[in-house]
PDB file of N, CA and C in Angstrom:
ATOM      1  N   MET A   1      42.883  31.731 120.530  1.00  0.00           N
ATOM      2  CA  MET A   1      41.312  32.359 120.447  1.00  0.00           C
ATOM      3  C   MET A   1      40.638  31.807 119.330  1.00  0.00           C
ATOM      4  N   PRO A   2      39.582  31.081 119.204  1.00  0.00           N
ATOM      5  CA  PRO A   2      38.932  30.594 118.175  1.00  0.00           C
ATOM      6  C   PRO A   2      38.188  31.713 117.448  1.00  0.00           C
ATOM      7  N   LYS A   3      38.163  31.387 115.988  1.00  0.00           N
ATOM      8  CA  LYS A   3      37.662  32.497 115.204  1.00  0.00           C
ATOM      9  C   LYS A   3      36.156  32.268 115.072  1.00  0.00           C
ATOM     10  N   PHE A   4      35.144  33.123 115.069  1.00  0.00           N
ATOM     11  CA  PHE A   4      33.794  32.802 114.894  1.00  0.00           C
ATOM     12  C   PHE A   4      33.377  33.569 113.699  1.00  0.00           C
ATOM     13  N   PRO A   5      32.461  33.186 112.897  1.00  0.00           N
ATOM     14  CA  PRO A   5      31.844  33.710 111.795  1.00  0.00           C
ATOM     15  C   PRO A   5      31.496  35.188 112.140  1.00  0.00           C
ATOM     16  N   PRO A   6      31.460  36.150 111.462  1.00  0.00           N
ATOM     17  CA  PRO A   6      30.951  37.342 111.583  1.00  0.00           C
ATOM     18  C   PRO A   6      29.219  37.188 111.809  1.00  0.00           C
ATOM     19  N   LEU A   7      28.965  38.086 112.706  1.00  0.00           N
ATOM     20  CA  LEU A   7      27.401  37.950 112.908  1.00  0.00           C
ATOM     21  C   LEU A   7      26.640  38.451 111.959  1.00  0.00           C
ATOM     22  N   HIS A   8      27.077  39.463 111.181  1.00  0.00           N
ATOM     23  CA  HIS A   8      26.237  39.834 109.939  1.00  0.00           C
ATOM     24  C   HIS A   8      26.084  38.882 108.712  1.00  0.00           C
ATOM     25  N   LYS A   9      27.046  37.977 108.804  1.00  0.00           N
ATOM     26  CA  LYS A   9      26.885  36.939 107.622  1.00  0.00           C
ATOM     27  C   LYS A   9      25.895  35.834 108.179  1.00  0.00           C
ATOM     28  N   ARG A  10      25.093  35.357 107.308  1.00  0.00           N
ATOM     29  CA  ARG A  10      24.298  34.100 107.669  1.00  0.00           C
ATOM     30  C   ARG A  10      25.050  32.936 106.774  1.00  0.00           C
ATOM     31  N   THR A  11      25.667  32.139 107.640  1.00  0.00           N
ATOM     32  CA  THR A  11      26.302  30.990 106.905  1.00  0.00           C
ATOM     33  C   THR A  11      25.692  29.835 107.225  1.00  0.00           C
ATOM     34  N   ARG A  12      25.761  28.954 106.446  1.00  0.00           N
ATOM     35  CA  ARG A  12      25.014  27.638 106.593  1.00  0.00           C
ATOM     36  C   ARG A  12      26.103  26.607 107.216  1.00  0.00           C
ATOM     37  N   PRO A  13      25.749  25.945 108.363  1.00  0.00           N
ATOM     38  CA  PRO A  13      26.725  25.252 108.940  1.00  0.00           C
ATOM     39  C   PRO A  13      27.144  23.981 108.070  1.00  0.00           C
ATOM     40  N   THR A  14      28.224  23.500 107.984  1.00  0.00           N
ATOM     41  CA  THR A  14      28.634  22.338 107.166  1.00  0.00           C
ATOM     42  C   THR A  14      27.861  21.216 107.531  1.00  0.00           C
ATOM     43  N   GLY A  15      27.491  20.460 106.583  1.00  0.00           N
ATOM     44  CA  GLY A  15      26.844  19.255 106.683  1.00  0.00           C
ATOM     45  C   GLY A  15      25.391  19.238 106.353  1.00  0.00           C
ATOM     46  N   ILE A  16      24.805  20.489 106.450  1.00  0.00           N
ATOM     47  CA  ILE A  16      23.482  20.744 106.117  1.00  0.00           C
ATOM     48  C   ILE A  16      23.220  21.056 104.778  1.00  0.00           C
ATOM     49  N   THR A  17      22.472  20.337 103.988  1.00  0.00           N
ATOM     50  CA  THR A  17      22.325  21.000 102.704  1.00  0.00           C
ATOM     51  C   THR A  17      20.742  21.122 102.454  1.00  0.00           C
ATOM     52  N   LYS A  18      20.605  21.974 101.523  1.00  0.00           N
ATOM     53  CA  LYS A  18      19.170  22.394 101.133  1.00  0.00           C
ATOM     54  C   LYS A  18      18.512  21.389 100.030  1.00  0.00           C
ATOM     55  N   SER A  19      17.538  20.909 100.267  1.00  0.00           N
ATOM     56  CA  SER A  19      16.774  19.784  99.583  1.00  0.00           C
ATOM     57  C   SER A  19      16.532  20.560  98.221  1.00  0.00           C
ATOM     58  N   ALA A  20      16.374  19.795  97.293  1.00  0.00           N
ATOM     59  CA  ALA A  20      15.994  20.322  95.888  1.00  0.00           C
ATOM     60  C   ALA A  20      14.685  21.077  95.729  1.00  0.00           C
ATOM     61  N   ALA A  21      13.540  20.508  96.341  1.00  0.00           N
ATOM     62  CA  ALA A  21      12.258  21.137  96.409  1.00  0.00           C
ATOM     63  C   ALA A  21      11.532  20.889  97.812  1.00  0.00           C
ATOM     64  N   PRO A  22      10.788  21.791  98.284  1.00  0.00           N
ATOM     65  CA  PRO A  22      10.154  21.519  99.549  1.00  0.00           C
ATOM     66  C   PRO A  22       8.958  20.375  99.160  1.00  0.00           C
ATOM     67  N   ARG A  23       8.758  19.865 100.398  1.00  0.00           N
ATOM     68  CA  ARG A  23       7.754  18.689 100.209  1.00  0.00           C
ATOM     69  C   ARG A  23       6.562  19.095 101.135  1.00  0.00           C
ATOM     70  N   ALA A  24       5.477  18.613 100.540  1.00  0.00           N
ATOM     71  CA  ALA A  24       4.135  18.821 101.376  1.00  0.00           C
ATOM     72  C   ALA A  24       4.185  17.950 102.493  1.00  0.00           C
ATOM     73  N   LEU A  25       3.595  18.340 103.562  1.00  0.00           N
ATOM     74  CA  LEU A  25       3.328  17.356 104.835  1.00  0.00           C
ATOM     75  C   LEU A  25       2.518  16.330 104.526  1.00  0.00           C
ATOM     76  N   GLY A  26       1.433  16.598 103.591  1.00  0.00           N
ATOM     77  CA  GLY A  26       0.759  15.349 103.492  1.00  0.00           C
ATOM     78  C   GLY A  26       1.516  14.198 102.493  1.00  0.00           C
ATOM     79  N   ASP A  27       2.455  14.590 101.753  1.00  0.00           N
ATOM     80  CA  ASP A  27       3.218  13.786 101.087  1.00  0.00           C
ATOM     81  C   ASP A  27       4.084  12.886 101.779  1.00  0.00           C
ATOM     82  N   LEU A  28       4.623  13.731 103.031  1.00  0.00           N
ATOM     83  CA  LEU A  28       5.597  13.057 103.670  1.00  0.00           C
ATOM     84  C   LEU A  28       4.744  11.943 104.681  1.00  0.00           C
ATOM     85  N   LEU A  29       3.466  12.108 105.122  1.00  0.00           N
ATOM     86  CA  LEU A  29       2.940  11.239 105.901  1.00  0.00           C
ATOM     87  C   LEU A  29       2.139  10.263 105.134  1.00  0.00           C
ATOM     88  N   ALA A  30       1.832  10.487 103.709  1.00  0.00           N
ATOM     89  CA  ALA A  30       1.471   9.265 102.995  1.00  0.00           C
ATOM     90  C   ALA A  30       2.331   8.207 102.690  1.00  0.00           C
ATOM     91  N   ARG A  31       3.706   8.378 103.046  1.00  0.00           N
ATOM     92  CA  ARG A  31       4.591   7.369 102.800  1.00  0.00           C
ATOM     93  C   ARG A  31       4.297   6.101 104.044  1.00  0.00           C
ATOM     94  N   ALA A  32       4.425   5.023 103.449  1.00  0.00           N
ATOM     95  CA  ALA A  32       4.002   3.903 104.151  1.00  0.00           C
ATOM     96  C   ALA A  32       5.226   3.441 105.059  1.00  0.00           C
ATOM     97  N   THR A  33       5.413   4.215 106.200  1.00  0.00           N
ATOM     98  CA  THR A  33       6.496   3.840 107.074  1.00  0.00           C
ATOM     99  C   THR A  33       5.600   3.005 108.264  1.00  0.00           C
ATOM    100  N   PRO A  34       6.362   1.977 108.921  1.00  0.00           N
ATOM    101  CA  PRO A  34       5.303   1.394 109.780  1.00  0.00           C
ATOM    102  C   PRO A  34       4.682   2.286 111.010  1.00  0.00           C
ATOM    103  N   MET A  35       5.578   2.967 111.619  1.00  0.00           N
ATOM    104  CA  MET A  35       4.996   3.941 112.709  1.00  0.00           C
ATOM    105  C   MET A  35       3.904   4.667 112.175  1.00  0.00           C
ATOM    106  N   LEU A  36       3.904   5.439 110.866  1.00  0.00           N
ATOM    107  CA  LEU A  36       3.016   6.497 110.505  1.00  0.00           C
ATOM    108  C   LEU A  36       1.738   5.637 110.164  1.00  0.00           C
ATOM    109  N   SER A  37       1.998   4.078 109.586  1.00  0.00           N
ATOM    110  CA  SER A  37       0.641   3.598 109.335  1.00  0.00           C
ATOM    111  C   SER A  37      -0.057   3.179 110.493  1.00  0.00           C
ATOM    112  N   GLN A  38       0.721   2.893 111.363  1.00  0.00           N
ATOM    113  CA  GLN A  38       0.137   2.544 112.712  1.00  0.00           C
ATOM    114  C   GLN A  38      -0.656   3.556 113.141  1.00  0.00           C
ATOM    115  N   ILE A  39      -0.173   4.801 113.304  1.00  0.00           N
ATOM    116  CA  ILE A  39      -0.798   6.158 113.940  1.00  0.00           C
ATOM    117  C   ILE A  39      -2.101   6.448 113.046  1.00  0.00           C
ATOM    118  N   ARG A  40      -1.812   6.174 111.771  1.00  0.00           N
ATOM    119  CA  ARG A  40      -3.032   6.487 110.803  1.00  0.00           C
ATOM    120  C   ARG A  40      -4.343   5.606 110.854  1.00  0.00           C
ATOM    121  N   ASP A  41      -3.959   4.261 111.327  1.00  0.00           N
ATOM    122  CA  ASP A  41      -4.898   3.120 111.492  1.00  0.00           C
ATOM    123  C   ASP A  41      -5.705   3.621 112.827  1.00  0.00           C
ATOM    124  N   GLN A  42      -4.819   3.936 113.931  1.00  0.00           N
ATOM    125  CA  GLN A  42      -5.376   4.175 115.162  1.00  0.00           C
ATOM    126  C   GLN A  42      -6.192   5.421 115.035  1.00  0.00           C
ATOM    127  N   ASN A  43      -5.831   6.479 114.304  1.00  0.00           N
ATOM    128  CA  ASN A  43      -6.599   7.481 114.177  1.00  0.00           C
ATOM    129  C   ASN A  43      -8.129   7.388 113.484  1.00  0.00           C
ATOM    130  N   THR A  44      -7.936   6.375 112.394  1.00  0.00           N
ATOM    131  CA  THR A  44      -9.097   5.979 111.627  1.00  0.00           C
ATOM    132  C   THR A  44     -10.040   5.101 112.609  1.00  0.00           C
ATOM    133  N   ARG A  45      -9.500   4.126 113.479  1.00  0.00           N
ATOM    134  CA  ARG A  45     -10.318   3.411 114.466  1.00  0.00           C
ATOM    135  C   ARG A  45     -11.070   4.540 115.463  1.00  0.00           C
ATOM    136  N   GLN A  46     -10.256   5.636 116.008  1.00  0.00           N
ATOM    137  CA  GLN A  46     -11.030   6.556 116.917  1.00  0.00           C
ATOM    138  C   GLN A  46     -11.859   7.505 116.290  1.00  0.00           C
ATOM    139  N   ASN A  47     -11.683   7.806 115.059  1.00  0.00           N
ATOM    140  CA  ASN A  47     -12.998   8.579 114.321  1.00  0.00           C
ATOM    141  C   ASN A  47     -13.977   7.682 114.121  1.00  0.00           C
ATOM    142  N   TYR A  48     -13.826   6.437 113.784  1.00  0.00           N
ATOM    143  CA  TYR A  48     -15.036   5.663 113.429  1.00  0.00           C
ATOM    144  C   TYR A  48     -15.882   5.569 114.820  1.00  0.00           C
ATOM    145  N   TRP A  49     -15.101   5.176 115.833  1.00  0.00           N
ATOM    146  CA  TRP A  49     -15.804   4.952 117.259  1.00  0.00           C
ATOM    147  C   TRP A  49     -16.611   6.376 117.660  1.00  0.00           C
ATOM    148  N   GLN A  50     -15.940   7.326 117.592  1.00  0.00           N
ATOM    149  CA  GLN A  50     -16.413   8.718 118.048  1.00  0.00           C
ATOM    150  C   GLN A  50     -17.500   8.994 117.275  1.00  0.00           C
ATOM    151  N   SER A  51     -17.594   8.782 115.653  1.00  0.00           N
ATOM    152  CA  SER A  51     -18.776   9.270 115.030  1.00  0.00           C
ATOM    153  C   SER A  51     -19.862   8.184 115.424  1.00  0.00           C
ATOM    154  N   TRP A  52     -19.629   6.786 115.637  1.00  0.00           N
ATOM    155  CA  TRP A  52     -20.625   5.847 115.994  1.00  0.00           C
ATOM    156  C   TRP A  52     -21.306   6.010 117.042  1.00  0.00           C
ATOM    157  N   LEU A  53     -20.539   6.473 118.159  1.00  0.00           N
ATOM    158  CA  LEU A  53     -21.212   6.544 119.470  1.00  0.00           C
ATOM    159  C   LEU A  53     -22.098   7.948 119.707  1.00  0.00           C
ATOM    160  N   VAL A  54     -21.611   8.927 118.883  1.00  0.00           N
ATOM    161  CA  VAL A  54     -22.291  10.189 118.628  1.00  0.00           C
ATOM    162  C   VAL A  54     -23.870   9.815 118.040  1.00  0.00           C
ATOM    163  N   GLU A  55     -23.661   8.825 116.986  1.00  0.00           N
ATOM    164  CA  GLU A  55     -24.946   8.604 116.370  1.00  0.00           C
ATOM    165  C   GLU A  55     -25.735   7.602 117.202  1.00  0.00           C
ATOM    166  N   GLN A  56     -25.365   6.794 117.978  1.00  0.00           N
ATOM    167  CA  GLN A  56     -25.985   5.924 118.978  1.00  0.00           C
ATOM    168  C   GLN A  56     -26.603   6.405 120.155  1.00  0.00           C
ATOM    169  N   LEU A  57     -25.746   7.325 120.835  1.00  0.00           N
ATOM    170  CA  LEU A  57     -26.232   7.864 122.180  1.00  0.00           C
ATOM    171  C   LEU A  57     -27.216   9.102 122.066  1.00  0.00           C
ATOM    172  N   PRO A  58     -28.051   9.188 123.131  1.00  0.00           N
ATOM    173  CA  PRO A  58     -28.842  10.186 123.248  1.00  0.00           C
ATOM    174  C   PRO A  58     -28.067  11.648 123.039  1.00  0.00           C
ATOM    175  N   GLY A  59     -28.739  12.724 122.329  1.00  0.00           N
ATOM    176  CA  GLY A  59     -28.284  13.894 122.358  1.00  0.00           C
ATOM    177  C   GLY A  59     -27.334  14.628 123.541  1.00  0.00           C
ATOM    178  N   ASP A  60     -28.057  14.601 124.616  1.00  0.00           N
ATOM    179  CA  ASP A  60     -27.479  15.090 125.820  1.00  0.00           C
ATOM    180  C   ASP A  60     -26.353  14.456 126.451  1.00  0.00           C
ATOM    181  N   LEU A  61     -26.206  12.964 126.295  1.00  0.00           N
ATOM    182  CA  LEU A  61     -25.228  12.385 126.617  1.00  0.00           C
ATOM    183  C   LEU A  61     -24.030  12.273 125.550  1.00  0.00           C
ATOM    184  N   SER A  62     -24.153  12.444 124.386  1.00  0.00           N
ATOM    185  CA  SER A  62     -23.156  12.468 123.201  1.00  0.00           C
ATOM    186  C   SER A  62     -22.427  13.698 123.306  1.00  0.00           C
ATOM    187  N   GLY A  63     -23.051  14.694 123.806  1.00  0.00           N
ATOM    188  CA  GLY A  63     -22.423  16.116 123.908  1.00  0.00           C
ATOM    189  C   GLY A  63     -21.302  16.116 124.734  1.00  0.00           C
ATOM    190  N   HIS A  64     -21.271  15.161 125.821  1.00  0.00           N
ATOM    191  CA  HIS A  64     -20.304  14.865 126.935  1.00  0.00           C
ATOM    192  C   HIS A  64     -19.301  13.963 126.840  1.00  0.00           C
ATOM    193  N   LEU A  65     -19.323  13.496 125.489  1.00  0.00           N
ATOM    194  CA  LEU A  65     -18.288  12.262 125.162  1.00  0.00           C
ATOM    195  C   LEU A  65     -17.090  12.888 124.499  1.00  0.00           C
ATOM    196  N   THR A  66     -15.837  12.879 125.263  1.00  0.00           N
ATOM    197  CA  THR A  66     -14.645  13.535 124.661  1.00  0.00           C
ATOM    198  C   THR A  66     -13.727  12.581 124.012  1.00  0.00           C
ATOM    199  N   GLY A  67     -13.857  11.216 123.749  1.00  0.00           N
ATOM    200  CA  GLY A  67     -13.256  10.418 122.908  1.00  0.00           C
ATOM    201  C   GLY A  67     -13.466   8.923 123.084  1.00  0.00           C
ATOM    202  N   ALA A  68     -12.965   8.357 122.341  1.00  0.00           N
ATOM    203  CA  ALA A  68     -12.954   6.784 122.303  1.00  0.00           C
ATOM    204  C   ALA A  68     -11.718   6.134 121.472  1.00  0.00           C
ATOM    205  N   VAL A  69     -11.163   5.218 122.407  1.00  0.00           N
ATOM    206  CA  VAL A  69     -10.035   4.507 121.823  1.00  0.00           C
ATOM    207  C   VAL A  69     -10.281   3.048 121.875  1.00  0.00           C
ATOM    208  N   GLU A  70      -9.953   2.433 120.603  1.00  0.00           N
ATOM    209  CA  GLU A  70     -10.121   0.926 120.445  1.00  0.00           C
ATOM    210  C   GLU A  70      -8.491   0.289 120.571  1.00  0.00           C
ATOM    211  N   ARG A  71      -8.433  -0.511 121.487  1.00  0.00           N
ATOM    212  CA  ARG A  71      -7.098  -1.229 121.383  1.00  0.00           C
ATOM    213  C   ARG A  71      -7.156  -2.633 121.891  1.00  0.00           C
ATOM    214  N   ASP A  72      -6.710  -3.602 121.041  1.00  0.00           N
ATOM    215  CA  ASP A  72      -6.789  -5.177 121.351  1.00  0.00           C
ATOM    216  C   ASP A  72      -7.891  -5.512 121.612  1.00  0.00           C
ATOM    217  N   GLY A  73      -8.901  -5.072 121.119  1.00  0.00           N
ATOM    218  CA  GLY A  73     -10.537  -5.591 121.091  1.00  0.00           C
ATOM    219  C   GLY A  73     -11.280  -5.144 122.352  1.00  0.00           C
ATOM    220  N   SER A  74     -10.610  -4.026 122.864  1.00  0.00           N
ATOM    221  CA  SER A  74     -11.335  -3.365 124.056  1.00  0.00           C
ATOM    222  C   SER A  74     -11.571  -1.967 123.608  1.00  0.00           C
ATOM    223  N   LEU A  75     -12.662  -1.290 124.165  1.00  0.00           N
ATOM    224  CA  LEU A  75     -12.958   0.055 123.767  1.00  0.00           C
ATOM    225  C   LEU A  75     -13.054   0.915 125.131  1.00  0.00           C
ATOM    226  N   THR A  76     -12.378   1.880 124.977  1.00  0.00           N
ATOM    227  CA  THR A  76     -12.267   2.872 126.314  1.00  0.00           C
ATOM    228  C   THR A  76     -12.948   4.133 125.782  1.00  0.00           C
ATOM    229  N   VAL A  77     -14.106   4.546 126.288  1.00  0.00           N
ATOM    230  CA  VAL A  77     -14.819   5.729 126.225  1.00  0.00           C
ATOM    231  C   VAL A  77     -14.522   6.594 127.141  1.00  0.00           C
ATOM    232  N   PHE A  78     -14.504   7.823 126.668  1.00  0.00           N
ATOM    233  CA  PHE A  78     -13.994   8.891 127.848  1.00  0.00           C
ATOM    234  C   PHE A  78     -15.478   9.866 127.835  1.00  0.00           C
ATOM    235  N   ALA A  79     -15.598  10.473 129.036  1.00  0.00           N
ATOM    236  CA  ALA A  79     -16.655  11.417 129.258  1.00  0.00           C
ATOM    237  C   ALA A  79     -15.994  12.799 129.910  1.00  0.00           C
ATOM    238  N   ASP A  80     -16.690  14.001 130.037  1.00  0.00           N
ATOM    239  CA  ASP A  80     -15.965  14.870 130.408  1.00  0.00           C
ATOM    240  C   ASP A  80     -16.070  15.215 132.005  1.00  0.00           C
ATOM    241  N   SER A  81     -16.885  14.240 132.770  1.00  0.00           N
ATOM    242  CA  SER A  81     -16.868  14.485 133.985  1.00  0.00           C
ATOM    243  C   SER A  81     -17.376  12.990 134.710  1.00  0.00           C
ATOM    244  N   ALA A  82     -17.301  12.773 136.130  1.00  0.00           N
ATOM    245  CA  ALA A  82     -17.471  11.655 136.494  1.00  0.00           C
ATOM    246  C   ALA A  82     -19.070  11.216 136.563  1.00  0.00           C
ATOM    247  N   ALA A  83     -19.822  12.388 136.709  1.00  0.00           N
ATOM    248  CA  ALA A  83     -21.362  12.073 136.686  1.00  0.00           C
ATOM    249  C   ALA A  83     -21.745  11.765 135.436  1.00  0.00           C
ATOM    250  N   TRP A  84     -21.282  12.440 134.208  1.00  0.00           N
ATOM    251  CA  TRP A  84     -21.549  11.737 132.898  1.00  0.00           C
ATOM    252  C   TRP A  84     -20.827  10.666 132.425  1.00  0.00           C
ATOM    253  N   ALA A  85     -19.667  10.207 133.189  1.00  0.00           N
ATOM    254  CA  ALA A  85     -19.251   8.846 132.791  1.00  0.00           C
ATOM    255  C   ALA A  85     -20.151   7.944 133.462  1.00  0.00           C
ATOM    256  N   ALA A  86     -20.729   8.005 134.500  1.00  0.00           N
ATOM    257  CA  ALA A  86     -21.566   7.141 135.135  1.00  0.00           C
ATOM    258  C   ALA A  86     -22.971   7.231 134.246  1.00  0.00           C
ATOM    259  N   ARG A  87     -23.486   7.913 133.722  1.00  0.00           N
ATOM    260  CA  ARG A  87     -24.558   7.922 132.839  1.00  0.00           C
ATOM    261  C   ARG A  87     -24.099   7.150 131.589  1.00  0.00           C
ATOM    262  N   LEU A  88     -23.007   7.364 131.189  1.00  0.00           N
ATOM    263  CA  LEU A  88     -22.511   6.894 129.804  1.00  0.00           C
ATOM    264  C   LEU A  88     -22.157   5.342 129.929  1.00  0.00           C
ATOM    265  N   ARG A  89     -21.881   4.866 131.221  1.00  0.00           N
ATOM    266  CA  ARG A  89     -21.570   3.498 131.593  1.00  0.00           C
ATOM    267  C   ARG A  89     -22.872   2.805 131.506  1.00  0.00           C
ATOM    268  N   TYR A  90     -24.014   3.259 131.994  1.00  0.00           N
ATOM    269  CA  TYR A  90     -25.290   2.613 131.873  1.00  0.00           C
ATOM    270  C   TYR A  90     -25.668   2.577 130.536  1.00  0.00           C
ATOM    271  N   ALA A  91     -25.566   3.588 129.678  1.00  0.00           N
ATOM    272  CA  ALA A  91     -26.224   3.896 128.457  1.00  0.00           C
ATOM    273  C   ALA A  91     -25.221   2.632 127.442  1.00  0.00           C
ATOM    274  N   LEU A  92     -24.081   2.522 127.808  1.00  0.00           N
ATOM    275  CA  LEU A  92     -23.159   1.597 126.998  1.00  0.00           C
ATOM    276  C   LEU A  92     -23.719   0.257 127.419  1.00  0.00           C
ATOM    277  N   THR A  93     -24.177  -0.166 128.374  1.00  0.00           N
ATOM    278  CA  THR A  93     -24.542  -1.460 128.766  1.00  0.00           C
ATOM    279  C   THR A  93     -25.683  -1.770 127.873  1.00  0.00           C
ATOM    280  N   GLU A  94     -26.637  -0.667 127.824  1.00  0.00           N
ATOM    281  CA  GLU A  94     -27.763  -1.069 126.708  1.00  0.00           C
ATOM    282  C   GLU A  94     -27.430  -1.231 125.535  1.00  0.00           C
ATOM    283  N   LEU A  95     -26.259  -0.523 125.146  1.00  0.00           N
ATOM    284  CA  LEU A  95     -25.710  -0.589 123.727  1.00  0.00           C
ATOM    285  C   LEU A  95     -24.812  -1.969 123.352  1.00  0.00           C
ATOM    286  N   LYS A  96     -24.686  -2.759 124.402  1.00  0.00           N
ATOM    287  CA  LYS A  96     -23.883  -3.735 124.055  1.00  0.00           C
ATOM    288  C   LYS A  96     -24.196  -4.526 123.059  1.00  0.00           C
ATOM    289  N   PRO A  97     -25.344  -5.042 122.439  1.00  0.00           N
ATOM    290  CA  PRO A  97     -25.683  -5.741 121.378  1.00  0.00           C
ATOM    291  C   PRO A  97     -25.249  -4.992 120.136  1.00  0.00           C
ATOM    292  N   ALA A  98     -25.525  -3.863 120.279  1.00  0.00           N
ATOM    293  CA  ALA A  98     -25.158  -2.924 118.990  1.00  0.00           C
ATOM    294  C   ALA A  98     -23.624  -2.739 118.776  1.00  0.00           C
ATOM    295  N   LEU A  99     -22.919  -2.818 119.950  1.00  0.00           N
ATOM    296  CA  LEU A  99     -21.479  -2.683 119.688  1.00  0.00           C
ATOM    297  C   LEU A  99     -20.918  -3.974 119.227  1.00  0.00           C
ATOM    298  N   GLN A 100     -21.562  -5.095 119.557  1.00  0.00           N
ATOM    299  CA  GLN A 100     -21.071  -6.401 118.963  1.00  0.00           C
ATOM    300  C   GLN A 100     -21.505  -6.487 117.520  1.00  0.00           C
ATOM    301  N   ARG A 101     -22.523  -5.793 116.918  1.00  0.00           N
ATOM    302  CA  ARG A 101     -23.028  -5.891 115.664  1.00  0.00           C
ATOM    303  C   ARG A 101     -22.201  -4.786 114.645  1.00  0.00           C
ATOM    304  N   ALA A 102     -21.381  -3.873 115.460  1.00  0.00           N
ATOM    305  CA  ALA A 102     -20.901  -2.655 114.735  1.00  0.00           C
ATOM    306  C   ALA A 102     -19.668  -3.301 113.995  1.00  0.00           C
ATOM    307  N   GLN A 103     -19.247  -2.518 113.016  1.00  0.00           N
ATOM    308  CA  GLN A 103     -18.370  -2.788 112.061  1.00  0.00           C
ATOM    309  C   GLN A 103     -16.956  -3.533 112.687  1.00  0.00           C
ATOM    310  N   ARG A 104     -16.657  -3.124 113.701  1.00  0.00           N
ATOM    311  CA  ARG A 104     -15.349  -3.497 114.421  1.00  0.00           C
ATOM    312  C   ARG A 104     -16.006  -3.887 115.774  1.00  0.00           C
ATOM    313  N   PRO A 105     -16.172  -5.201 116.038  1.00  0.00           N
ATOM    314  CA  PRO A 105     -16.787  -5.666 117.287  1.00  0.00           C
ATOM    315  C   PRO A 105     -15.614  -5.784 118.454  1.00  0.00           C
ATOM    316  N   VAL A 106     -16.084  -5.263 119.579  1.00  0.00           N
ATOM    317  CA  VAL A 106     -15.422  -5.290 120.876  1.00  0.00           C
ATOM    318  C   VAL A 106     -15.720  -6.251 121.813  1.00  0.00           C
ATOM    319  N   GLY A 107     -14.516  -6.577 122.668  1.00  0.00           N
ATOM    320  CA  GLY A 107     -15.066  -7.502 123.873  1.00  0.00           C
ATOM    321  C   GLY A 107     -15.538  -6.725 124.971  1.00  0.00           C
ATOM    322  N   THR A 108     -14.501  -5.812 125.503  1.00  0.00           N
ATOM    323  CA  THR A 108     -14.901  -5.224 126.536  1.00  0.00           C
ATOM    324  C   THR A 108     -15.031  -3.743 126.530  1.00  0.00           C
ATOM    325  N   VAL A 109     -15.962  -2.926 127.183  1.00  0.00           N
ATOM    326  CA  VAL A 109     -15.973  -1.446 127.278  1.00  0.00           C
ATOM    327  C   VAL A 109     -15.705  -0.830 128.582  1.00  0.00           C
ATOM    328  N   THR A 110     -15.022   0.201 128.550  1.00  0.00           N
ATOM    329  CA  THR A 110     -14.559   0.776 130.014  1.00  0.00           C
ATOM    330  C   THR A 110     -14.995   2.223 129.646  1.00  0.00           C
ATOM    331  N   VAL A 111     -15.484   2.897 130.749  1.00  0.00           N
ATOM    332  CA  VAL A 111     -15.561   4.400 130.805  1.00  0.00           C
ATOM    333  C   VAL A 111     -14.655   5.059 131.752  1.00  0.00           C
ATOM    334  N   ARG A 112     -13.975   6.121 131.125  1.00  0.00           N
ATOM    335  CA  ARG A 112     -13.095   6.849 132.009  1.00  0.00           C
ATOM    336  C   ARG A 112     -13.329   8.385 131.733  1.00  0.00           C
ATOM    337  N   VAL A 113     -12.752   9.214 132.788  1.00  0.00           N
ATOM    338  CA  VAL A 113     -12.957  10.554 132.665  1.00  0.00           C
ATOM    339  C   VAL A 113     -11.904  11.254 132.095  1.00  0.00           C
ATOM    340  N   LEU A 114     -12.042  12.021 131.074  1.00  0.00           N
ATOM    341  CA  LEU A 114     -11.126  12.913 130.432  1.00  0.00           C
ATOM    342  C   LEU A 114     -11.727  14.293 130.211  1.00  0.00           C
ATOM    343  N   PRO A 115     -11.530  15.327 131.209  1.00  0.00           N
ATOM    344  CA  PRO A 115     -12.177  16.576 130.856  1.00  0.00           C
ATOM    345  C   PRO A 115     -11.666  17.031 129.711  1.00  0.00           C
ATOM    346  N   ARG A 116     -12.606  18.039 129.114  1.00  0.00           N
ATOM    347  CA  ARG A 116     -12.213  18.889 127.920  1.00  0.00           C
ATOM    348  C   ARG A 116     -11.180  19.826 128.280  1.00  0.00           C
ATOM    349  N   ARG A 117     -10.397  20.248 127.375  1.00  0.00           N
ATOM    350  CA  ARG A 117      -9.285  21.334 127.680  1.00  0.00           C
ATOM    351  C   ARG A 117      -9.907  22.896 127.524  1.00  0.00           C
TER     352      ARG A 117
END
């Protein structure tokens, strides 16, 4: 019968060592690994477009904007319902010249529904 360590003792399994000092999460994310830098860049683009669209759209319409994603020169904008997505689609066609003059010009713009949680 195998021997198990007593339940009252807290032992560390072999092969796992304690690091010298705990690291902050910000320090780990600041390292330039390809995956993290790609995620950070995409997050920066999403925040840029979200704030840009909130500034450009009318107040009632910008309140129903749930997100914006830029990928490969196309912009996907999300609204919280189908009715607001239709209104957003019309408003974005009027903003097409401003979208081309933006800091990050885009080729195509699509609107999709993404309800708030």
